PDB file of N, CA and C in Angstrom:
ATOM      1  N   MET A   1      85.683 148.643  71.232  1.00  0.00           N
ATOM      2  CA  MET A   1      85.605 149.037  69.854  1.00  0.00           C
ATOM      3  C   MET A   1      85.445 147.772  69.003  1.00  0.00           C
ATOM      4  N   PRO A   2      84.591 147.807  68.005  1.00  0.00           N
ATOM      5  CA  PRO A   2      84.377 146.630  67.162  1.00  0.00           C
ATOM      6  C   PRO A   2      85.569 146.312  66.278  1.00  0.00           C
ATOM      7  N   THR A   3      85.692 145.039  65.967  1.00  0.00           N
ATOM      8  CA  THR A   3      86.726 144.563  65.050  1.00  0.00           C
ATOM      9  C   THR A   3      86.075 144.269  63.713  1.00  0.00           C
ATOM     10  N   TYR A   4      86.666 144.776  62.647  1.00  0.00           N
ATOM     11  CA  TYR A   4      86.140 144.553  61.295  1.00  0.00           C
ATOM     12  C   TYR A   4      87.185 143.824  60.466  1.00  0.00           C
ATOM     13  N   ASP A   5      86.743 142.982  59.549  1.00  0.00           N
ATOM     14  CA  ASP A   5      87.631 142.324  58.597  1.00  0.00           C
ATOM     15  C   ASP A   5      87.677 143.179  57.338  1.00  0.00           C
ATOM     16  N   TYR A   6      88.898 143.452  56.894  1.00  0.00           N
ATOM     17  CA  TYR A   6      89.086 144.293  55.705  1.00  0.00           C
ATOM     18  C   TYR A   6      89.866 143.514  54.644  1.00  0.00           C
ATOM     19  N   ALA A   7      89.640 143.910  53.369  1.00  0.00           N
ATOM     20  CA  ALA A   7      90.404 143.351  52.245  1.00  0.00           C
ATOM     21  C   ALA A   7      90.669 144.473  51.247  1.00  0.00           C
ATOM     22  N   CYS A   8      91.868 144.482  50.711  1.00  0.00           N
ATOM     23  CA  CYS A   8      92.232 145.488  49.715  1.00  0.00           C
ATOM     24  C   CYS A   8      91.949 144.924  48.323  1.00  0.00           C
ATOM     25  N   THR A   9      91.272 145.707  47.502  1.00  0.00           N
ATOM     26  CA  THR A   9      90.937 145.253  46.147  1.00  0.00           C
ATOM     27  C   THR A   9      92.108 145.402  45.186  1.00  0.00           C
ATOM     28  N   ARG A  10      93.094 146.232  45.523  1.00  0.00           N
ATOM     29  CA  ARG A  10      94.234 146.466  44.619  1.00  0.00           C
ATOM     30  C   ARG A  10      95.329 145.409  44.823  1.00  0.00           C
ATOM     31  N   CYS A  11      95.802 145.237  46.068  1.00  0.00           N
ATOM     32  CA  CYS A  11      96.938 144.332  46.289  1.00  0.00           C
ATOM     33  C   CYS A  11      96.530 142.976  46.879  1.00  0.00           C
ATOM     34  N   GLY A  12      95.283 142.841  47.346  1.00  0.00           N
ATOM     35  CA  GLY A  12      94.810 141.562  47.886  1.00  0.00           C
ATOM     36  C   GLY A  12      95.081 141.364  49.367  1.00  0.00           C
ATOM     37  N   TRP A  13      95.574 142.404  50.047  1.00  0.00           N
ATOM     38  CA  TRP A  13      95.820 142.302  51.494  1.00  0.00           C
ATOM     39  C   TRP A  13      94.524 142.044  52.237  1.00  0.00           C
ATOM     40  N   GLU A  14      94.573 141.198  53.274  1.00  0.00           N
ATOM     41  CA  GLU A  14      93.416 140.939  54.151  1.00  0.00           C
ATOM     42  C   GLU A  14      93.868 141.043  55.590  1.00  0.00           C
ATOM     43  N   GLY A  15      93.013 141.610  56.426  1.00  0.00           N
ATOM     44  CA  GLY A  15      93.355 141.748  57.838  1.00  0.00           C
ATOM     45  C   GLY A  15      92.201 142.319  58.637  1.00  0.00           C
ATOM     46  N   GLU A  16      92.516 142.563  59.913  1.00  0.00           N
ATOM     47  CA  GLU A  16      91.510 143.102  60.821  1.00  0.00           C
ATOM     48  C   GLU A  16      91.854 144.528  61.171  1.00  0.00           C
ATOM     49  N   GLY A  17      90.818 145.267  61.504  1.00  0.00           N
ATOM     50  CA  GLY A  17      91.031 146.634  61.936  1.00  0.00           C
ATOM     51  C   GLY A  17      90.032 146.993  63.023  1.00  0.00           C
ATOM     52  N   TYR A  18      90.518 147.748  63.995  1.00  0.00           N
ATOM     53  CA  TYR A  18      89.663 148.194  65.093  1.00  0.00           C
ATOM     54  C   TYR A  18      89.235 149.628  64.809  1.00  0.00           C
ATOM     55  N   ARG A  19      87.968 149.835  64.659  1.00  0.00           N
ATOM     56  CA  ARG A  19      87.432 151.160  64.356  1.00  0.00           C
ATOM     57  C   ARG A  19      86.111 151.346  65.100  1.00  0.00           C
ATOM     58  N   THR A  20      85.778 152.600  65.344  1.00  0.00           N
ATOM     59  CA  THR A  20      84.444 152.887  65.880  1.00  0.00           C
ATOM     60  C   THR A  20      83.441 152.671  64.757  1.00  0.00           C
ATOM     61  N   ILE A  21      82.191 152.600  65.091  1.00  0.00           N
ATOM     62  CA  ILE A  21      81.158 152.373  64.085  1.00  0.00           C
ATOM     63  C   ILE A  21      81.137 153.510  63.066  1.00  0.00           C
ATOM     64  N   ALA A  22      81.344 154.727  63.523  1.00  0.00           N
ATOM     65  CA  ALA A  22      81.330 155.881  62.620  1.00  0.00           C
ATOM     66  C   ALA A  22      82.524 155.861  61.649  1.00  0.00           C
ATOM     67  N   GLU A  23      83.679 155.318  62.062  1.00  0.00           N
ATOM     68  CA  GLU A  23      84.886 155.326  61.235  1.00  0.00           C
ATOM     69  C   GLU A  23      85.135 154.009  60.508  1.00  0.00           C
ATOM     70  N   ARG A  24      84.188 153.081  60.539  1.00  0.00           N
ATOM     71  CA  ARG A  24      84.438 151.741  60.007  1.00  0.00           C
ATOM     72  C   ARG A  24      84.756 151.713  58.505  1.00  0.00           C
ATOM     73  N   LYS A  25      84.274 152.704  57.746  1.00  0.00           N
ATOM     74  CA  LYS A  25      84.547 152.714  56.306  1.00  0.00           C
ATOM     75  C   LYS A  25      85.851 153.434  55.961  1.00  0.00           C
ATOM     76  N   ASN A  26      86.449 154.132  56.913  1.00  0.00           N
ATOM     77  CA  ASN A  26      87.691 154.884  56.674  1.00  0.00           C
ATOM     78  C   ASN A  26      88.893 154.057  57.112  1.00  0.00           C
ATOM     79  N   PHE A  27      89.165 152.974  56.403  1.00  0.00           N
ATOM     80  CA  PHE A  27      90.335 152.157  56.711  1.00  0.00           C
ATOM     81  C   PHE A  27      91.121 151.968  55.421  1.00  0.00           C
ATOM     82  N   PHE A  28      92.423 152.246  55.488  1.00  0.00           N
ATOM     83  CA  PHE A  28      93.274 152.172  54.308  1.00  0.00           C
ATOM     84  C   PHE A  28      94.248 151.013  54.436  1.00  0.00           C
ATOM     85  N   CYS A  29      94.538 150.397  53.318  1.00  0.00           N
ATOM     86  CA  CYS A  29      95.456 149.251  53.261  1.00  0.00           C
ATOM     87  C   CYS A  29      96.835 149.681  53.753  1.00  0.00           C
ATOM     88  N   PRO A  30      97.431 148.935  54.697  1.00  0.00           N
ATOM     89  CA  PRO A  30      98.758 149.308  55.204  1.00  0.00           C
ATOM     90  C   PRO A  30      99.878 149.048  54.181  1.00  0.00           C
ATOM     91  N   GLU A  31      99.613 148.262  53.160  1.00  0.00           N
ATOM     92  CA  GLU A  31     100.654 147.928  52.173  1.00  0.00           C
ATOM     93  C   GLU A  31     100.686 148.904  50.999  1.00  0.00           C
ATOM     94  N   CYS A  32      99.487 149.208  50.421  1.00  0.00           N
ATOM     95  CA  CYS A  32      99.484 150.070  49.219  1.00  0.00           C
ATOM     96  C   CYS A  32      98.793 151.406  49.443  1.00  0.00           C
ATOM     97  N   GLY A  33      98.071 151.565  50.561  1.00  0.00           N
ATOM     98  CA  GLY A  33      97.420 152.837  50.857  1.00  0.00           C
ATOM     99  C   GLY A  33      96.051 153.001  50.228  1.00  0.00           C
ATOM    100  N   ASN A  34      95.584 152.017  49.474  1.00  0.00           N
ATOM    101  CA  ASN A  34      94.246 152.062  48.879  1.00  0.00           C
ATOM    102  C   ASN A  34      93.189 151.873  49.970  1.00  0.00           C
ATOM    103  N   GLN A  35      92.005 152.433  49.761  1.00  0.00           N
ATOM    104  CA  GLN A  35      90.929 152.254  50.751  1.00  0.00           C
ATOM    105  C   GLN A  35      90.477 150.797  50.726  1.00  0.00           C
ATOM    106  N   ALA A  36      90.513 150.152  51.913  1.00  0.00           N
ATOM    107  CA  ALA A  36      90.138 148.741  52.042  1.00  0.00           C
ATOM    108  C   ALA A  36      88.626 148.627  52.245  1.00  0.00           C
ATOM    109  N   GLU A  37      88.082 147.501  51.796  1.00  0.00           N
ATOM    110  CA  GLU A  37      86.641 147.264  51.922  1.00  0.00           C
ATOM    111  C   GLU A  37      86.365 146.284  53.064  1.00  0.00           C
ATOM    112  N   ILE A  38      85.224 146.467  53.679  1.00  0.00           N
ATOM    113  CA  ILE A  38      84.822 145.556  54.755  1.00  0.00           C
ATOM    114  C   ILE A  38      84.351 144.246  54.117  1.00  0.00           C
ATOM    115  N   VAL A  39      84.855 143.134  54.642  1.00  0.00           N
ATOM    116  CA  VAL A  39      84.409 141.811  54.188  1.00  0.00           C
ATOM    117  C   VAL A  39      83.770 141.074  55.362  1.00  0.00           C
ATOM    118  N   PHE A  40      82.797 140.260  55.039  1.00  0.00           N
ATOM    119  CA  PHE A  40      82.105 139.487  56.067  1.00  0.00           C
ATOM    120  C   PHE A  40      82.482 138.023  55.887  1.00  0.00           C
ATOM    121  N   ARG A  41      83.382 137.536  56.728  1.00  0.00           N
ATOM    122  CA  ARG A  41      83.840 136.148  56.630  1.00  0.00           C
ATOM    123  C   ARG A  41      82.987 135.196  57.449  1.00  0.00           C
ATOM    124  N   SER A  42      82.586 135.625  58.611  1.00  0.00           N
ATOM    125  CA  SER A  42      81.817 134.738  59.494  1.00  0.00           C
ATOM    126  C   SER A  42      80.837 135.575  60.304  1.00  0.00           C
ATOM    127  N   ALA A  43      79.894 134.888  60.875  1.00  0.00           N
ATOM    128  CA  ALA A  43      78.927 135.559  61.743  1.00  0.00           C
ATOM    129  C   ALA A  43      79.609 135.938  63.050  1.00  0.00           C
ATOM    130  N   PRO A  44      79.201 137.020  63.642  1.00  0.00           N
ATOM    131  CA  PRO A  44      79.815 137.414  64.912  1.00  0.00           C
ATOM    132  C   PRO A  44      79.504 136.387  65.999  1.00  0.00           C
ATOM    133  N   ALA A  45      80.440 136.201  66.900  1.00  0.00           N
ATOM    134  CA  ALA A  45      80.256 135.259  68.003  1.00  0.00           C
ATOM    135  C   ALA A  45      79.543 135.975  69.145  1.00  0.00           C
ATOM    136  N   VAL A  46      78.261 135.734  69.241  1.00  0.00           N
ATOM    137  CA  VAL A  46      77.450 136.360  70.283  1.00  0.00           C
ATOM    138  C   VAL A  46      76.800 135.258  71.090  1.00  0.00           C
ATOM    139  N   HIS A  47      76.891 135.361  72.407  1.00  0.00           N
ATOM    140  CA  HIS A  47      76.270 134.368  73.278  1.00  0.00           C
ATOM    141  C   HIS A  47      75.471 135.117  74.337  1.00  0.00           C
ATOM    142  N   PHE A  48      74.185 134.858  74.404  1.00  0.00           N
ATOM    143  CA  PHE A  48      73.311 135.533  75.363  1.00  0.00           C
ATOM    144  C   PHE A  48      73.228 134.705  76.637  1.00  0.00           C
ATOM    145  N   HIS A  49      73.215 135.379  77.752  1.00  0.00           N
ATOM    146  CA  HIS A  49      73.108 134.716  79.050  1.00  0.00           C
ATOM    147  C   HIS A  49      71.837 135.181  79.743  1.00  0.00           C
ATOM    148  N   GLY A  50      71.306 134.321  80.634  1.00  0.00           N
ATOM    149  CA  GLY A  50      70.169 134.719  81.448  1.00  0.00           C
ATOM    150  C   GLY A  50      68.842 134.364  80.824  1.00  0.00           C
ATOM    151  N   GLY A  51      67.793 134.768  81.506  1.00  0.00           N
ATOM    152  CA  GLY A  51      66.441 134.454  81.051  1.00  0.00           C
ATOM    153  C   GLY A  51      65.967 135.384  79.962  1.00  0.00           C
ATOM    154  N   GLY A  52      64.896 135.000  79.312  1.00  0.00           N
ATOM    155  CA  GLY A  52      64.296 135.830  78.292  1.00  0.00           C
ATOM    156  C   GLY A  52      64.761 135.512  76.898  1.00  0.00           C
ATOM    157  N   PHE A  53      65.731 134.608  76.753  1.00  0.00           N
ATOM    158  CA  PHE A  53      66.201 134.220  75.433  1.00  0.00           C
ATOM    159  C   PHE A  53      65.629 132.857  75.091  1.00  0.00           C
ATOM    160  N   PRO A  54      65.314 132.606  73.841  1.00  0.00           N
ATOM    161  CA  PRO A  54      64.590 131.392  73.466  1.00  0.00           C
ATOM    162  C   PRO A  54      65.183 130.081  73.958  1.00  0.00           C
ATOM    163  N   SER A  55      66.497 129.876  73.858  1.00  0.00           N
ATOM    164  CA  SER A  55      67.060 128.581  74.258  1.00  0.00           C
ATOM    165  C   SER A  55      66.858 128.344  75.749  1.00  0.00           C
ATOM    166  N   TYR A  56      67.135 129.353  76.562  1.00  0.00           N
ATOM    167  CA  TYR A  56      66.972 129.223  78.010  1.00  0.00           C
ATOM    168  C   TYR A  56      65.492 129.069  78.363  1.00  0.00           C
ATOM    169  N   THR A  57      64.653 129.899  77.761  1.00  0.00           N
ATOM    170  CA  THR A  57      63.226 129.887  78.074  1.00  0.00           C
ATOM    171  C   THR A  57      62.591 128.559  77.681  1.00  0.00           C
ATOM    172  N   MET A  58      62.929 128.041  76.501  1.00  0.00           N
ATOM    173  CA  MET A  58      62.337 126.780  76.054  1.00  0.00           C
ATOM    174  C   MET A  58      62.793 125.619  76.934  1.00  0.00           C
ATOM    175  N   LYS A  59      64.072 125.638  77.337  1.00  0.00           N
ATOM    176  CA  LYS A  59      64.576 124.576  78.205  1.00  0.00           C
ATOM    177  C   LYS A  59      63.853 124.613  79.550  1.00  0.00           C
ATOM    178  N   ARG A  60      63.684 125.819  80.093  1.00  0.00           N
ATOM    179  CA  ARG A  60      62.996 125.968  81.384  1.00  0.00           C
ATOM    180  C   ARG A  60      61.537 125.563  81.247  1.00  0.00           C
ATOM    181  N   LEU A  61      60.896 125.951  80.146  1.00  0.00           N
ATOM    182  CA  LEU A  61      59.501 125.596  79.918  1.00  0.00           C
ATOM    183  C   LEU A  61      59.344 124.080  79.818  1.00  0.00           C
ATOM    184  N   LYS A  62      60.273 123.426  79.137  1.00  0.00           N
ATOM    185  CA  LYS A  62      60.230 121.967  79.019  1.00  0.00           C
ATOM    186  C   LYS A  62      60.365 121.323  80.398  1.00  0.00           C
ATOM    187  N   ASN A  63      61.300 121.843  81.215  1.00  0.00           N
ATOM    188  CA  ASN A  63      61.470 121.309  82.571  1.00  0.00           C
ATOM    189  C   ASN A  63      60.209 121.498  83.401  1.00  0.00           C
ATOM    190  N   LEU A  64      59.557 122.652  83.268  1.00  0.00           N
ATOM    191  CA  LEU A  64      58.322 122.901  84.014  1.00  0.00           C
ATOM    192  C   LEU A  64      57.212 121.964  83.573  1.00  0.00           C
ATOM    193  N   GLU A  65      57.115 121.714  82.265  1.00  0.00           N
ATOM    194  CA  GLU A  65      56.089 120.801  81.763  1.00  0.00           C
ATOM    195  C   GLU A  65      56.339 119.375  82.249  1.00  0.00           C
ATOM    196  N   GLU A  66      57.608 118.945  82.274  1.00  0.00           N
ATOM    197  CA  GLU A  66      57.941 117.620  82.782  1.00  0.00           C
ATOM    198  C   GLU A  66      57.597 117.509  84.264  1.00  0.00           C
ATOM    199  N   GLU A  67      57.897 118.542  85.034  1.00  0.00           N
ATOM    200  CA  GLU A  67      57.582 118.549  86.466  1.00  0.00           C
ATOM    201  C   GLU A  67      56.072 118.485  86.690  1.00  0.00           C
ATOM    202  N   LYS A  68      55.329 119.250  85.902  1.00  0.00           N
ATOM    203  CA  LYS A  68      53.869 119.246  86.015  1.00  0.00           C
ATOM    204  C   LYS A  68      53.305 117.860  85.686  1.00  0.00           C
ATOM    205  N   ALA A  69      53.822 117.222  84.639  1.00  0.00           N
ATOM    206  CA  ALA A  69      53.363 115.881  84.266  1.00  0.00           C
ATOM    207  C   ALA A  69      53.693 114.877  85.370  1.00  0.00           C
ATOM    208  N   ARG A  70      54.886 115.009  85.971  1.00  0.00           N
ATOM    209  CA  ARG A  70      55.279 114.100  87.054  1.00  0.00           C
ATOM    210  C   ARG A  70      54.357 114.260  88.264  1.00  0.00           C
ATOM    211  N   ILE A  71      54.042 115.500  88.608  1.00  0.00           N
ATOM    212  CA  ILE A  71      53.150 115.755  89.745  1.00  0.00           C
ATOM    213  C   ILE A  71      51.757 115.221  89.451  1.00  0.00           C
ATOM    214  N   ASN A  72      51.264 115.434  88.222  1.00  0.00           N
ATOM    215  CA  ASN A  72      49.940 114.927  87.862  1.00  0.00           C
ATOM    216  C   ASN A  72      49.890 113.408  87.920  1.00  0.00           C
ATOM    217  N   ARG A  73      50.955 112.733  87.448  1.00  0.00           N
ATOM    218  CA  ARG A  73      51.002 111.266  87.522  1.00  0.00           C
ATOM    219  C   ARG A  73      50.972 110.796  88.965  1.00  0.00           C
ATOM    220  N   ARG A  74      51.770 111.459  89.804  1.00  0.00           N
ATOM    221  CA  ARG A  74      51.818 111.087  91.223  1.00  0.00           C
ATOM    222  C   ARG A  74      50.461 111.298  91.886  1.00  0.00           C
ATOM    223  N   PHE A  75      49.831 112.435  91.598  1.00  0.00           N
ATOM    224  CA  PHE A  75      48.512 112.715  92.170  1.00  0.00           C
ATOM    225  C   PHE A  75      47.505 111.659  91.740  1.00  0.00           C
ATOM    226  N   GLU A  76      47.533 111.288  90.453  1.00  0.00           N
ATOM    227  CA  GLU A  76      46.593 110.289  89.928  1.00  0.00           C
ATOM    228  C   GLU A  76      46.839 108.918  90.564  1.00  0.00           C
ATOM    229  N   GLU A  77      48.114 108.552  90.754  1.00  0.00           N
ATOM    230  CA  GLU A  77      48.436 107.286  91.420  1.00  0.00           C
ATOM    231  C   GLU A  77      47.921 107.276  92.852  1.00  0.00           C
ATOM    232  N   GLU A  78      48.112 108.384  93.583  1.00  0.00           N
ATOM    233  CA  GLU A  78      47.629 108.466  94.959  1.00  0.00           C
ATOM    234  C   GLU A  78      46.102 108.400  95.004  1.00  0.00           C
ATOM    235  N   ARG A  79      45.452 109.064  94.060  1.00  0.00           N
ATOM    236  CA  ARG A  79      43.984 109.037  94.016  1.00  0.00           C
ATOM    237  C   ARG A  79      43.481 107.620  93.774  1.00  0.00           C
ATOM    238  N   MET A  80      44.129 106.910  92.840  1.00  0.00           N
ATOM    239  CA  MET A  80      43.715 105.530  92.550  1.00  0.00           C
ATOM    240  C   MET A  80      43.963 104.624  93.752  1.00  0.00           C
ATOM    241  N   GLU A  81      45.065 104.863  94.463  1.00  0.00           N
ATOM    242  CA  GLU A  81      45.363 104.068  95.664  1.00  0.00           C
ATOM    243  C   GLU A  81      44.311 104.309  96.748  1.00  0.00           C
ATOM    244  N   ARG A  82      43.937 105.585  96.945  1.00  0.00           N
ATOM    245  CA  ARG A  82      42.877 105.887  97.929  1.00  0.00           C
ATOM    246  C   ARG A  82      41.570 105.231  97.527  1.00  0.00           C
ATOM    247  N   ARG A  83      41.245 105.249  96.237  1.00  0.00           N
ATOM    248  CA  ARG A  83      40.004 104.626  95.757  1.00  0.00           C
ATOM    249  C   ARG A  83      40.019 103.118  95.987  1.00  0.00           C
ATOM    250  N   LYS A  84      41.160 102.475  95.719  1.00  0.00           N
ATOM    251  CA  LYS A  84      41.258 101.027  95.960  1.00  0.00           C
ATOM    252  C   LYS A  84      41.065 100.704  97.441  1.00  0.00           C
ATOM    253  N   ARG A  85      41.703 101.511  98.321  1.00  0.00           N
ATOM    254  CA  ARG A  85      41.538 101.284  99.762  1.00  0.00           C
ATOM    255  C   ARG A  85      40.091 101.471 100.180  1.00  0.00           C
ATOM    256  N   TRP A  86      39.439 102.501  99.622  1.00  0.00           N
ATOM    257  CA  TRP A  86      38.044 102.765  99.988  1.00  0.00           C
ATOM    258  C   TRP A  86      37.131 101.631  99.523  1.00  0.00           C
ATOM    259  N   LEU A  87      37.362 101.136  98.295  1.00  0.00           N
ATOM    260  CA  LEU A  87      36.542 100.035  97.793  1.00  0.00           C
ATOM    261  C   LEU A  87      36.767  98.761  98.597  1.00  0.00           C
ATOM    262  N   LYS A  88      38.000  98.569  99.037  1.00  0.00           N
ATOM    263  CA  LYS A  88      38.306  97.375  99.826  1.00  0.00           C
ATOM    264  C   LYS A  88      37.677  97.461 101.216  1.00  0.00           C
ATOM    265  N   ASP A  89      37.742  98.629 101.839  1.00  0.00           N
ATOM    266  CA  ASP A  89      37.208  98.801 103.195  1.00  0.00           C
ATOM    267  C   ASP A  89      36.538 100.164 103.308  1.00  0.00           C
ATOM    268  N   PRO A  90      35.285 100.290 102.855  1.00  0.00           N
ATOM    269  CA  PRO A  90      34.613 101.595 102.908  1.00  0.00           C
ATOM    270  C   PRO A  90      34.404 102.061 104.350  1.00  0.00           C
ATOM    271  N   PRO A  91      34.275 103.357 104.565  1.00  0.00           N
ATOM    272  CA  PRO A  91      34.121 103.875 105.925  1.00  0.00           C
ATOM    273  C   PRO A  91      32.770 103.541 106.557  1.00  0.00           C
ATOM    274  N   PHE A  92      31.849 103.052 105.808  1.00  0.00           N
ATOM    275  CA  PHE A  92      30.541 102.667 106.346  1.00  0.00           C
ATOM    276  C   PHE A  92      30.106 101.371 105.675  1.00  0.00           C
ATOM    277  N   ARG A  93      29.198 100.679 106.362  1.00  0.00           N
ATOM    278  CA  ARG A  93      28.668  99.444 105.797  1.00  0.00           C
ATOM    279  C   ARG A  93      27.143  99.486 105.876  1.00  0.00           C
ATOM    280  N   VAL A  94      26.504  99.007 104.866  1.00  0.00           N
ATOM    281  CA  VAL A  94      25.051  98.888 104.870  1.00  0.00           C
ATOM    282  C   VAL A  94      24.724  97.521 105.455  1.00  0.00           C
ATOM    283  N   LEU A  95      24.008  97.542 106.575  1.00  0.00           N
ATOM    284  CA  LEU A  95      23.666  96.281 107.237  1.00  0.00           C
ATOM    285  C   LEU A  95      22.291  95.821 106.775  1.00  0.00           C
ATOM    286  N   GLU A  96      22.195  94.569 106.447  1.00  0.00           N
ATOM    287  CA  GLU A  96      20.921  93.999 106.014  1.00  0.00           C
ATOM    288  C   GLU A  96      20.696  92.667 106.712  1.00  0.00           C
ATOM    289  N   GLY A  97      19.454  92.300 106.790  1.00  0.00           N
ATOM    290  CA  GLY A  97      19.077  90.976 107.291  1.00  0.00           C
ATOM    291  C   GLY A  97      19.536  90.720 108.708  1.00  0.00           C
ATOM    292  N   LYS A  98      20.203  89.585 108.918  1.00  0.00           N
ATOM    293  CA  LYS A  98      20.624  89.142 110.243  1.00  0.00           C
ATOM    294  C   LYS A  98      21.615  90.116 110.877  1.00  0.00           C
ATOM    295  N   ALA A  99      22.521  90.662 110.101  1.00  0.00           N
ATOM    296  CA  ALA A  99      23.496  91.616 110.635  1.00  0.00           C
ATOM    297  C   ALA A  99      22.793  92.840 111.204  1.00  0.00           C
ATOM    298  N   MET A 100      21.722  93.305 110.531  1.00  0.00           N
ATOM    299  CA  MET A 100      20.969  94.469 111.013  1.00  0.00           C
ATOM    300  C   MET A 100      20.251  94.139 112.324  1.00  0.00           C
ATOM    301  N   GLU A 101      19.677  92.952 112.380  1.00  0.00           N
ATOM    302  CA  GLU A 101      18.965  92.539 113.616  1.00  0.00           C
ATOM    303  C   GLU A 101      19.941  92.439 114.786  1.00  0.00           C
ATOM    304  N   GLU A 102      21.130  91.869 114.550  1.00  0.00           N
ATOM    305  CA  GLU A 102      22.134  91.762 115.615  1.00  0.00           C
ATOM    306  C   GLU A 102      22.568  93.135 116.097  1.00  0.00           C
ATOM    307  N   ARG A 103      22.739  94.047 115.183  1.00  0.00           N
ATOM    308  CA  ARG A 103      23.158  95.414 115.551  1.00  0.00           C
ATOM    309  C   ARG A 103      22.079  96.087 116.393  1.00  0.00           C
ATOM    310  N   LEU A 104      20.800  95.953 116.013  1.00  0.00           N
ATOM    311  CA  LEU A 104      19.712  96.557 116.793  1.00  0.00           C
ATOM    312  C   LEU A 104      19.636  95.947 118.188  1.00  0.00           C
ATOM    313  N   GLU A 105      19.864  94.642 118.284  1.00  0.00           N
ATOM    314  CA  GLU A 105      19.853  93.987 119.606  1.00  0.00           C
ATOM    315  C   GLU A 105      20.988  94.518 120.479  1.00  0.00           C
ATOM    316  N   ARG A 106      22.158  94.663 119.912  1.00  0.00           N
ATOM    317  CA  ARG A 106      23.297  95.200 120.680  1.00  0.00           C
ATOM    318  C   ARG A 106      23.004  96.617 121.159  1.00  0.00           C
ATOM    319  N   ASP A 107      22.387  97.446 120.282  1.00  0.00           N
ATOM    320  CA  ASP A 107      22.049  98.819 120.675  1.00  0.00           C
ATOM    321  C   ASP A 107      21.038  98.838 121.813  1.00  0.00           C
ATOM    322  N   LYS A 108      20.014  97.993 121.742  1.00  0.00           N
ATOM    323  CA  LYS A 108      18.994  97.935 122.810  1.00  0.00           C
ATOM    324  C   LYS A 108      19.617  97.477 124.126  1.00  0.00           C
ATOM    325  N   GLU A 109      20.506  96.474 124.053  1.00  0.00           N
ATOM    326  CA  GLU A 109      21.182  95.975 125.260  1.00  0.00           C
ATOM    327  C   GLU A 109      22.042  97.077 125.875  1.00  0.00           C
ATOM    328  N   TYR A 110      22.746  97.830 125.038  1.00  0.00           N
ATOM    329  CA  TYR A 110      23.576  98.940 125.515  1.00  0.00           C
ATOM    330  C   TYR A 110      22.709  99.988 126.212  1.00  0.00           C
ATOM    331  N   GLN A 111      21.559 100.312 125.615  1.00  0.00           N
ATOM    332  CA  GLN A 111      20.668 101.309 126.213  1.00  0.00           C
ATOM    333  C   GLN A 111      20.131 100.830 127.551  1.00  0.00           C
ATOM    334  N   ARG A 112      19.750  99.527 127.650  1.00  0.00           N
ATOM    335  CA  ARG A 112      19.237  98.986 128.927  1.00  0.00           C
ATOM    336  C   ARG A 112      20.320  99.011 129.986  1.00  0.00           C
ATOM    337  N   LYS A 113      21.513  98.620 129.612  1.00  0.00           N
ATOM    338  CA  LYS A 113      22.614  98.526 130.559  1.00  0.00           C
ATOM    339  C   LYS A 113      22.989  99.897 131.112  1.00  0.00           C
ATOM    340  N   ASN A 114      22.985 100.902 130.269  1.00  0.00           N
ATOM    341  CA  ASN A 114      23.418 102.251 130.665  1.00  0.00           C
ATOM    342  C   ASN A 114      22.265 103.180 130.995  1.00  0.00           C
ATOM    343  N   HIS A 115      21.058 102.623 131.093  1.00  0.00           N
ATOM    344  CA  HIS A 115      19.855 103.411 131.436  1.00  0.00           C
ATOM    345  C   HIS A 115      19.667 104.598 130.504  1.00  0.00           C
ATOM    346  N   ILE A 116      19.808 104.361 129.216  1.00  0.00           N
ATOM    347  CA  ILE A 116      19.613 105.415 128.217  1.00  0.00           C
ATOM    348  C   ILE A 116      18.254 105.217 127.591  1.00  0.00           C
ATOM    349  N   GLY A 117      17.482 106.307 127.537  1.00  0.00           N
ATOM    350  CA  GLY A 117      16.168 106.240 126.897  1.00  0.00           C
ATOM    351  C   GLY A 117      16.338 106.113 125.386  1.00  0.00           C
ATOM    352  N   PRO A 118      15.516 105.303 124.723  1.00  0.00           N
ATOM    353  CA  PRO A 118      15.686 105.066 123.299  1.00  0.00           C
ATOM    354  C   PRO A 118      15.486 106.305 122.433  1.00  0.00           C
ATOM    355  N   ALA A 119      14.593 107.194 122.796  1.00  0.00           N
ATOM    356  CA  ALA A 119      14.291 108.330 121.927  1.00  0.00           C
ATOM    357  C   ALA A 119      15.162 109.542 122.245  1.00  0.00           C
ATOM    358  N   GLN A 120      15.299 109.864 123.517  1.00  0.00           N
ATOM    359  CA  GLN A 120      15.993 111.097 123.896  1.00  0.00           C
ATOM    360  C   GLN A 120      17.505 110.929 123.995  1.00  0.00           C
ATOM    361  N   GLY A 121      17.987 109.721 124.241  1.00  0.00           N
ATOM    362  CA  GLY A 121      19.413 109.544 124.453  1.00  0.00           C
ATOM    363  C   GLY A 121      19.840 110.083 125.807  1.00  0.00           C
ATOM    364  N   LEU A 122      18.912 110.135 126.777  1.00  0.00           N
ATOM    365  CA  LEU A 122      19.215 110.641 128.112  1.00  0.00           C
ATOM    366  C   LEU A 122      19.180 109.508 129.103  1.00  0.00           C
ATOM    367  N   LYS A 123      19.900 109.663 130.203  1.00  0.00           N
ATOM    368  CA  LYS A 123      19.854 108.648 131.264  1.00  0.00           C
ATOM    369  C   LYS A 123      18.527 108.744 132.003  1.00  0.00           C
ATOM    370  N   VAL A 124      17.986 107.591 132.283  1.00  0.00           N
ATOM    371  CA  VAL A 124      16.709 107.542 133.002  1.00  0.00           C
ATOM    372  C   VAL A 124      16.993 107.253 134.461  1.00  0.00           C
ATOM    373  N   GLN A 125      16.445 108.071 135.322  1.00  0.00           N
ATOM    374  CA  GLN A 125      16.620 107.839 136.760  1.00  0.00           C
ATOM    375  C   GLN A 125      15.613 106.785 137.203  1.00  0.00           C
ATOM    376  N   GLY A 126      16.051 105.740 137.848  1.00  0.00           N
ATOM    377  CA  GLY A 126      15.132 104.678 138.167  1.00  0.00           C
ATOM    378  C   GLY A 126      15.052 104.371 139.547  1.00  0.00           C
TER     379      GLY A 126
END
């Protein structure tokens, strides 16, 4: 049952009374018997728990945004690290000049040694 604050306009009595919502206006002063009026001294103490309320939702949303920013920073750092490694040592090299000639000589020597035909890549019976 709700608690209401009452005040008597005749004798000045103030106090609390427990009444149902339907009977909240039917409260009489215990000192003089005059009908007491409802007074509003303070806001009711209400505290909401759980999700769906602005304070909880905003706090959770802020935490999610911070987590997302942290993950994005980490991903970007890892991407930059992979790029630095790739630039330092790419998975392939373009051979030019003397390096290209040496590589072709090594390939020809390998083919002669292992009896591999240059075009087909098959062993030649000799």
